[in-house]
Amino acid sequence: MADDRIPPSAPEAEIAVIGAALISSTALTLAVDEHRIQASYFYAMKHQLIWATIQTMHATGVAVDPVTVGEVLRVEGGLDEAGGMAYLLELMNATPSTSNIEHYAKAIREAAMLRRLRGASADIANTVYSRSSLEVALDSAEAAVINV
């Protein structure tokens, strides 16, 4: 039976974090340096692409705003995949407040951790069904949960 459930995600928080980073260098620094938000934390693939670009630009000291991010994405061939320039502006305009970046970052991180836990539980189930010994299954389960 197929699992039709949508994995944990925080789409509004994803939009708000990216939008806040496009608006405010302070919000961007908080998200990247303090909260250590990684591209893989985002559920939407286009948000992963945009965030990876923003992180790279931030790390190399390039100014981050919708125009500069759009230009880097265009040069790298990912602007259309990221939703285009209009989408970058939409993200910025959809951000209710840059001052809530910590709340948005926490929501993204928690959703990512829940997705990782979901994956770990599937790995544990596979180990159990592989007829491993109890000791091997417990060791594998412990390692899977610790790696979340």
N, C-alpha and C. Protein backbone atom coordinates (compact mmCIF):
# COMPACT_ATOMS: atom_id res chain seq x y z
N MET A 1 0.84 -1.18 0.00
CA MET A 1 0.00 0.00 0.00
C MET A 1 0.89 1.25 0.00
N ALA A 2 0.63 2.17 -0.89
CA ALA A 2 1.42 3.40 -1.01
C ALA A 2 1.10 4.35 0.14
N ASP A 3 2.10 5.07 0.57
CA ASP A 3 1.93 6.05 1.64
C ASP A 3 1.68 7.41 0.99
N ASP A 4 0.45 7.88 1.04
CA ASP A 4 0.07 9.13 0.41
C ASP A 4 0.25 10.35 1.32
N ARG A 5 0.73 10.11 2.52
CA ARG A 5 0.89 11.22 3.45
C ARG A 5 2.03 12.14 3.01
N ILE A 6 1.86 13.41 3.24
CA ILE A 6 2.89 14.39 2.92
C ILE A 6 3.86 14.46 4.09
N PRO A 7 5.16 14.33 3.81
CA PRO A 7 6.15 14.40 4.91
C PRO A 7 6.06 15.75 5.63
N PRO A 8 6.51 15.78 6.88
CA PRO A 8 6.48 17.04 7.63
C PRO A 8 7.21 18.15 6.87
N SER A 9 6.59 19.30 6.84
CA SER A 9 7.21 20.47 6.20
C SER A 9 6.61 21.73 6.80
N ALA A 10 7.25 22.83 6.52
CA ALA A 10 6.78 24.13 7.01
C ALA A 10 6.86 25.13 5.85
N PRO A 11 5.96 24.99 4.87
CA PRO A 11 6.07 25.81 3.66
C PRO A 11 6.03 27.32 3.90
N GLU A 12 5.18 27.75 4.82
CA GLU A 12 5.11 29.19 5.10
C GLU A 12 6.40 29.68 5.74
N ALA A 13 6.98 28.86 6.62
CA ALA A 13 8.24 29.24 7.26
C ALA A 13 9.38 29.25 6.24
N GLU A 14 9.36 28.31 5.30
CA GLU A 14 10.38 28.30 4.25
C GLU A 14 10.33 29.60 3.45
N ILE A 15 9.13 29.99 3.07
CA ILE A 15 8.96 31.24 2.33
C ILE A 15 9.44 32.42 3.16
N ALA A 16 9.08 32.43 4.43
CA ALA A 16 9.42 33.55 5.30
C ALA A 16 10.93 33.64 5.55
N VAL A 17 11.61 32.51 5.71
CA VAL A 17 13.07 32.56 5.93
C VAL A 17 13.78 33.08 4.69
N ILE A 18 13.40 32.56 3.53
CA ILE A 18 14.05 33.04 2.30
C ILE A 18 13.72 34.51 2.09
N GLY A 19 12.46 34.87 2.26
CA GLY A 19 12.07 36.27 2.10
C GLY A 19 12.81 37.19 3.05
N ALA A 20 12.93 36.78 4.31
CA ALA A 20 13.64 37.59 5.30
C ALA A 20 15.11 37.74 4.92
N ALA A 21 15.71 36.66 4.41
CA ALA A 21 17.11 36.72 3.99
C ALA A 21 17.29 37.66 2.80
N LEU A 22 16.29 37.72 1.93
CA LEU A 22 16.36 38.62 0.78
C LEU A 22 16.18 40.08 1.18
N ILE A 23 15.51 40.30 2.31
CA ILE A 23 15.21 41.66 2.78
C ILE A 23 16.29 42.19 3.71
N SER A 24 16.78 41.35 4.62
CA SER A 24 17.61 41.82 5.72
C SER A 24 18.88 40.98 5.89
N SER A 25 20.02 41.66 5.84
CA SER A 25 21.29 40.95 6.06
C SER A 25 21.38 40.45 7.50
N THR A 26 20.74 41.13 8.43
CA THR A 26 20.73 40.67 9.83
C THR A 26 19.96 39.36 9.95
N ALA A 27 18.80 39.30 9.31
CA ALA A 27 18.01 38.07 9.33
C ALA A 27 18.77 36.93 8.65
N LEU A 28 19.43 37.23 7.56
CA LEU A 28 20.23 36.22 6.86
C LEU A 28 21.34 35.68 7.76
N THR A 29 22.04 36.57 8.43
CA THR A 29 23.12 36.15 9.32
C THR A 29 22.58 35.28 10.45
N LEU A 30 21.45 35.65 11.03
CA LEU A 30 20.84 34.83 12.08
C LEU A 30 20.50 33.44 11.56
N ALA A 31 19.88 33.37 10.39
CA ALA A 31 19.46 32.08 9.85
C ALA A 31 20.65 31.19 9.51
N VAL A 32 21.69 31.77 8.91
CA VAL A 32 22.84 30.98 8.46
C VAL A 32 23.81 30.70 9.60
N ASP A 33 24.20 31.74 10.32
CA ASP A 33 25.27 31.61 11.31
C ASP A 33 24.80 31.13 12.67
N GLU A 34 23.66 31.62 13.12
CA GLU A 34 23.18 31.24 14.45
C GLU A 34 22.33 29.98 14.42
N HIS A 35 21.39 29.93 13.48
CA HIS A 35 20.48 28.78 13.43
C HIS A 35 20.95 27.68 12.49
N ARG A 36 21.99 27.97 11.74
CA ARG A 36 22.63 26.98 10.86
C ARG A 36 21.65 26.28 9.93
N ILE A 37 20.76 27.06 9.34
CA ILE A 37 19.80 26.50 8.40
C ILE A 37 20.54 26.07 7.13
N GLN A 38 20.35 24.83 6.76
CA GLN A 38 20.97 24.24 5.57
C GLN A 38 19.94 24.10 4.46
N ALA A 39 20.40 24.04 3.25
CA ALA A 39 19.49 23.89 2.11
C ALA A 39 18.66 22.61 2.23
N SER A 40 19.27 21.56 2.77
CA SER A 40 18.57 20.28 2.89
C SER A 40 17.42 20.33 3.90
N TYR A 41 17.35 21.36 4.73
CA TYR A 41 16.26 21.49 5.69
C TYR A 41 14.95 21.88 5.00
N PHE A 42 15.05 22.47 3.81
CA PHE A 42 13.87 22.91 3.09
C PHE A 42 13.24 21.71 2.38
N TYR A 43 11.92 21.63 2.41
CA TYR A 43 11.21 20.53 1.77
C TYR A 43 11.06 20.78 0.27
N ALA A 44 10.70 22.00 -0.10
CA ALA A 44 10.51 22.34 -1.51
C ALA A 44 11.87 22.41 -2.21
N MET A 45 11.99 21.69 -3.31
CA MET A 45 13.26 21.64 -4.04
C MET A 45 13.70 23.03 -4.51
N LYS A 46 12.76 23.84 -4.96
CA LYS A 46 13.16 25.17 -5.42
C LYS A 46 13.67 26.01 -4.25
N HIS A 47 13.13 25.79 -3.06
CA HIS A 47 13.63 26.51 -1.89
C HIS A 47 15.03 26.02 -1.52
N GLN A 48 15.27 24.72 -1.70
CA GLN A 48 16.62 24.20 -1.46
C GLN A 48 17.62 24.87 -2.39
N LEU A 49 17.26 24.99 -3.65
CA LEU A 49 18.14 25.61 -4.64
C LEU A 49 18.39 27.09 -4.30
N ILE A 50 17.34 27.80 -3.98
CA ILE A 50 17.48 29.22 -3.64
C ILE A 50 18.33 29.38 -2.39
N TRP A 51 18.06 28.57 -1.36
CA TRP A 51 18.80 28.70 -0.10
C TRP A 51 20.28 28.35 -0.30
N ALA A 52 20.57 27.33 -1.08
CA ALA A 52 21.97 26.96 -1.34
C ALA A 52 22.69 28.13 -2.01
N THR A 53 22.02 28.80 -2.92
CA THR A 53 22.60 29.96 -3.59
C THR A 53 22.83 31.09 -2.60
N ILE A 54 21.84 31.35 -1.77
CA ILE A 54 21.97 32.41 -0.76
C ILE A 54 23.12 32.09 0.20
N GLN A 55 23.21 30.85 0.65
CA GLN A 55 24.29 30.46 1.57
C GLN A 55 25.66 30.69 0.94
N THR A 56 25.82 30.27 -0.31
CA THR A 56 27.10 30.45 -1.00
C THR A 56 27.43 31.92 -1.15
N MET A 57 26.46 32.71 -1.52
CA MET A 57 26.68 34.15 -1.67
C MET A 57 27.07 34.77 -0.34
N HIS A 58 26.37 34.40 0.71
CA HIS A 58 26.66 34.92 2.05
C HIS A 58 28.08 34.54 2.49
N ALA A 59 28.44 33.29 2.25
CA ALA A 59 29.76 32.80 2.67
C ALA A 59 30.90 33.49 1.92
N THR A 60 30.62 33.93 0.70
CA THR A 60 31.67 34.59 -0.10
C THR A 60 31.57 36.11 -0.06
N GLY A 61 30.68 36.63 0.77
CA GLY A 61 30.58 38.07 0.95
C GLY A 61 29.85 38.81 -0.16
N VAL A 62 29.08 38.10 -0.97
CA VAL A 62 28.30 38.73 -2.03
C VAL A 62 26.97 39.20 -1.44
N ALA A 63 26.58 40.42 -1.76
CA ALA A 63 25.32 40.96 -1.26
C ALA A 63 24.15 40.09 -1.71
N VAL A 64 23.21 39.88 -0.79
CA VAL A 64 22.05 39.03 -1.06
C VAL A 64 20.80 39.91 -1.13
N ASP A 65 20.16 39.89 -2.28
CA ASP A 65 18.85 40.51 -2.48
C ASP A 65 18.23 39.79 -3.68
N PRO A 66 16.97 40.05 -3.98
CA PRO A 66 16.34 39.30 -5.07
C PRO A 66 17.07 39.44 -6.42
N VAL A 67 17.60 40.60 -6.69
CA VAL A 67 18.28 40.81 -7.97
C VAL A 67 19.59 40.03 -8.04
N THR A 68 20.40 40.12 -6.99
CA THR A 68 21.69 39.41 -7.02
C THR A 68 21.50 37.90 -6.97
N VAL A 69 20.57 37.42 -6.17
CA VAL A 69 20.30 35.98 -6.12
C VAL A 69 19.77 35.50 -7.47
N GLY A 70 18.87 36.26 -8.06
CA GLY A 70 18.34 35.92 -9.38
C GLY A 70 19.43 35.87 -10.43
N GLU A 71 20.34 36.81 -10.37
CA GLU A 71 21.44 36.84 -11.34
C GLU A 71 22.35 35.63 -11.19
N VAL A 72 22.70 35.29 -9.96
CA VAL A 72 23.55 34.10 -9.73
C VAL A 72 22.83 32.85 -10.21
N LEU A 73 21.55 32.73 -9.87
CA LEU A 73 20.78 31.57 -10.34
C LEU A 73 20.72 31.52 -11.87
N ARG A 74 20.55 32.68 -12.51
CA ARG A 74 20.49 32.73 -13.97
C ARG A 74 21.82 32.28 -14.57
N VAL A 75 22.93 32.79 -14.06
CA VAL A 75 24.26 32.44 -14.55
C VAL A 75 24.52 30.94 -14.37
N GLU A 76 24.06 30.39 -13.26
CA GLU A 76 24.28 28.97 -12.96
C GLU A 76 23.23 28.07 -13.62
N GLY A 77 22.27 28.66 -14.31
CA GLY A 77 21.27 27.88 -15.02
C GLY A 77 20.13 27.36 -14.16
N GLY A 78 19.93 27.93 -12.98
CA GLY A 78 18.90 27.42 -12.09
C GLY A 78 17.74 28.37 -11.83
N LEU A 79 17.71 29.50 -12.52
CA LEU A 79 16.66 30.49 -12.24
C LEU A 79 15.27 29.96 -12.54
N ASP A 80 15.09 29.31 -13.67
CA ASP A 80 13.77 28.76 -13.99
C ASP A 80 13.35 27.69 -13.00
N GLU A 81 14.29 26.81 -12.64
CA GLU A 81 14.00 25.75 -11.67
C GLU A 81 13.62 26.33 -10.31
N ALA A 82 14.18 27.49 -9.97
CA ALA A 82 13.89 28.15 -8.70
C ALA A 82 12.60 28.96 -8.73
N GLY A 83 11.94 29.00 -9.88
CA GLY A 83 10.67 29.70 -9.97
C GLY A 83 10.74 31.03 -10.69
N GLY A 84 11.93 31.44 -11.08
CA GLY A 84 12.09 32.69 -11.82
C GLY A 84 12.23 33.90 -10.91
N MET A 85 12.54 35.00 -11.55
CA MET A 85 12.73 36.26 -10.81
C MET A 85 11.45 36.69 -10.11
N ALA A 86 10.32 36.48 -10.75
CA ALA A 86 9.04 36.87 -10.14
C ALA A 86 8.82 36.11 -8.83
N TYR A 87 9.25 34.84 -8.78
CA TYR A 87 9.06 34.06 -7.56
C TYR A 87 9.95 34.60 -6.43
N LEU A 88 11.17 35.00 -6.76
CA LEU A 88 12.04 35.58 -5.73
C LEU A 88 11.40 36.84 -5.13
N LEU A 89 10.82 37.67 -5.97
CA LEU A 89 10.15 38.88 -5.48
C LEU A 89 8.90 38.50 -4.68
N GLU A 90 8.21 37.45 -5.11
CA GLU A 90 7.04 36.98 -4.38
C GLU A 90 7.43 36.50 -2.98
N LEU A 91 8.55 35.78 -2.88
CA LEU A 91 9.02 35.32 -1.57
C LEU A 91 9.28 36.50 -0.64
N MET A 92 9.94 37.49 -1.17
CA MET A 92 10.25 38.67 -0.37
C MET A 92 8.96 39.38 0.08
N ASN A 93 8.03 39.54 -0.85
CA ASN A 93 6.79 40.24 -0.54
C ASN A 93 5.86 39.44 0.37
N ALA A 94 6.03 38.12 0.41
CA ALA A 94 5.17 37.27 1.24
C ALA A 94 5.68 37.13 2.67
N THR A 95 6.80 37.75 2.97
CA THR A 95 7.39 37.64 4.30
C THR A 95 6.74 38.64 5.24
N PRO A 96 6.05 38.14 6.27
CA PRO A 96 5.35 39.05 7.17
C PRO A 96 6.28 39.93 8.01
N SER A 97 7.42 39.37 8.44
CA SER A 97 8.33 40.15 9.28
C SER A 97 9.69 39.48 9.32
N THR A 98 10.74 40.28 9.20
CA THR A 98 12.09 39.73 9.34
C THR A 98 12.44 39.49 10.80
N SER A 99 11.72 40.14 11.70
CA SER A 99 12.03 40.01 13.12
C SER A 99 11.66 38.65 13.69
N ASN A 100 10.86 37.88 12.95
CA ASN A 100 10.45 36.55 13.42
C ASN A 100 11.29 35.43 12.82
N ILE A 101 12.46 35.77 12.32
CA ILE A 101 13.32 34.79 11.64
C ILE A 101 13.63 33.59 12.53
N GLU A 102 13.80 33.81 13.82
CA GLU A 102 14.12 32.70 14.72
C GLU A 102 12.97 31.69 14.77
N HIS A 103 11.76 32.18 14.81
CA HIS A 103 10.58 31.30 14.82
C HIS A 103 10.49 30.51 13.51
N TYR A 104 10.69 31.19 12.39
CA TYR A 104 10.63 30.53 11.08
C TYR A 104 11.74 29.49 10.95
N ALA A 105 12.94 29.84 11.38
CA ALA A 105 14.08 28.92 11.29
C ALA A 105 13.82 27.67 12.14
N LYS A 106 13.27 27.87 13.32
CA LYS A 106 12.97 26.73 14.20
C LYS A 106 11.95 25.80 13.54
N ALA A 107 10.93 26.36 12.92
CA ALA A 107 9.90 25.54 12.26
C ALA A 107 10.50 24.72 11.11
N ILE A 108 11.40 25.33 10.34
CA ILE A 108 12.05 24.61 9.24
C ILE A 108 12.93 23.50 9.78
N ARG A 109 13.72 23.81 10.79
CA ARG A 109 14.62 22.80 11.38
C ARG A 109 13.83 21.63 11.97
N GLU A 110 12.75 21.92 12.68
CA GLU A 110 11.94 20.86 13.28
C GLU A 110 11.30 19.97 12.22
N ALA A 111 10.79 20.56 11.15
CA ALA A 111 10.20 19.76 10.08
C ALA A 111 11.26 18.87 9.43
N ALA A 112 12.44 19.41 9.24
CA ALA A 112 13.54 18.63 8.65
C ALA A 112 13.92 17.46 9.55
N MET A 113 13.97 17.72 10.85
CA MET A 113 14.30 16.66 11.80
C MET A 113 13.22 15.57 11.80
N LEU A 114 11.97 15.97 11.70
CA LEU A 114 10.88 14.98 11.65
C LEU A 114 10.99 14.14 10.37
N ARG A 115 11.35 14.76 9.25
CA ARG A 115 11.54 13.98 8.02
C ARG A 115 12.70 12.99 8.17
N ARG A 116 13.77 13.45 8.81
CA ARG A 116 14.90 12.55 9.04
C ARG A 116 14.51 11.41 9.98
N LEU A 117 13.71 11.71 10.99
CA LEU A 117 13.23 10.68 11.91
C LEU A 117 12.34 9.68 11.17
N ARG A 118 11.53 10.18 10.27
CA ARG A 118 10.69 9.30 9.44
C ARG A 118 11.57 8.35 8.63
N GLY A 119 12.63 8.87 8.05
CA GLY A 119 13.56 8.02 7.30
C GLY A 119 14.25 7.00 8.18
N ALA A 120 14.64 7.43 9.38
CA ALA A 120 15.29 6.51 10.32
C ALA A 120 14.34 5.39 10.72
N SER A 121 13.06 5.73 10.91
CA SER A 121 12.09 4.70 11.29
C SER A 121 11.91 3.68 10.17
N ALA A 122 11.97 4.13 8.93
CA ALA A 122 11.88 3.20 7.80
C ALA A 122 13.11 2.29 7.77
N ASP A 123 14.28 2.86 8.06
CA ASP A 123 15.50 2.04 8.12
C ASP A 123 15.40 0.99 9.23
N ILE A 124 14.86 1.40 10.36
CA ILE A 124 14.69 0.47 11.49
C ILE A 124 13.74 -0.65 11.09
N ALA A 125 12.63 -0.31 10.46
CA ALA A 125 11.68 -1.33 10.02
C ALA A 125 12.34 -2.29 9.04
N ASN A 126 13.15 -1.79 8.13
CA ASN A 126 13.84 -2.66 7.17
C ASN A 126 14.79 -3.61 7.89
N THR A 127 15.46 -3.12 8.91
CA THR A 127 16.37 -3.98 9.68
C THR A 127 15.59 -5.08 10.39
N VAL A 128 14.46 -4.72 10.96
CA VAL A 128 13.63 -5.71 11.66
C VAL A 128 13.15 -6.78 10.69
N TYR A 129 12.70 -6.36 9.52
CA TYR A 129 12.18 -7.31 8.54
C TYR A 129 13.27 -8.13 7.86
N SER A 130 14.52 -7.71 8.01
CA SER A 130 15.61 -8.48 7.40
C SER A 130 16.01 -9.68 8.25
N ARG A 131 15.28 -9.86 9.34
CA ARG A 131 15.52 -10.99 10.24
C ARG A 131 16.88 -10.91 10.92
N SER A 132 17.33 -9.71 11.18
CA SER A 132 18.57 -9.52 11.93
C SER A 132 18.36 -9.97 13.37
N SER A 133 19.45 -10.21 14.05
CA SER A 133 19.33 -10.57 15.46
C SER A 133 18.83 -9.35 16.23
N LEU A 134 18.31 -9.60 17.41
CA LEU A 134 17.81 -8.51 18.25
C LEU A 134 18.92 -7.51 18.52
N GLU A 135 20.11 -7.99 18.82
CA GLU A 135 21.23 -7.11 19.13
C GLU A 135 21.57 -6.21 17.94
N VAL A 136 21.62 -6.79 16.75
CA VAL A 136 21.91 -6.02 15.55
C VAL A 136 20.80 -5.00 15.29
N ALA A 137 19.55 -5.43 15.44
CA ALA A 137 18.42 -4.54 15.22
C ALA A 137 18.43 -3.37 16.20
N LEU A 138 18.71 -3.64 17.47
CA LEU A 138 18.75 -2.57 18.48
C LEU A 138 19.91 -1.61 18.22
N ASP A 139 21.07 -2.17 17.89
CA ASP A 139 22.22 -1.31 17.59
C ASP A 139 21.95 -0.42 16.39
N SER A 140 21.34 -1.02 15.36
CA SER A 140 21.01 -0.27 14.15
C SER A 140 19.98 0.82 14.45
N ALA A 141 18.97 0.47 15.25
CA ALA A 141 17.93 1.45 15.61
C ALA A 141 18.52 2.61 16.40
N GLU A 142 19.37 2.29 17.35
CA GLU A 142 20.01 3.33 18.15
C GLU A 142 20.83 4.26 17.28
N ALA A 143 21.63 3.70 16.39
CA ALA A 143 22.46 4.50 15.51
C ALA A 143 21.61 5.38 14.59
N ALA A 144 20.53 4.82 14.08
CA ALA A 144 19.65 5.57 13.18
C ALA A 144 19.03 6.77 13.90
N VAL A 145 18.58 6.58 15.12
CA VAL A 145 17.96 7.68 15.86
C VAL A 145 19.00 8.72 16.28
N ILE A 146 20.16 8.28 16.69
CA ILE A 146 21.22 9.22 17.08
C ILE A 146 21.64 10.07 15.90
N ASN A 147 21.64 9.51 14.69
CA ASN A 147 22.05 10.26 13.49
C ASN A 147 21.01 11.24 13.00
N VAL A 148 19.84 11.22 13.58
CA VAL A 148 18.80 12.18 13.19
C VAL A 148 19.26 13.55 13.62
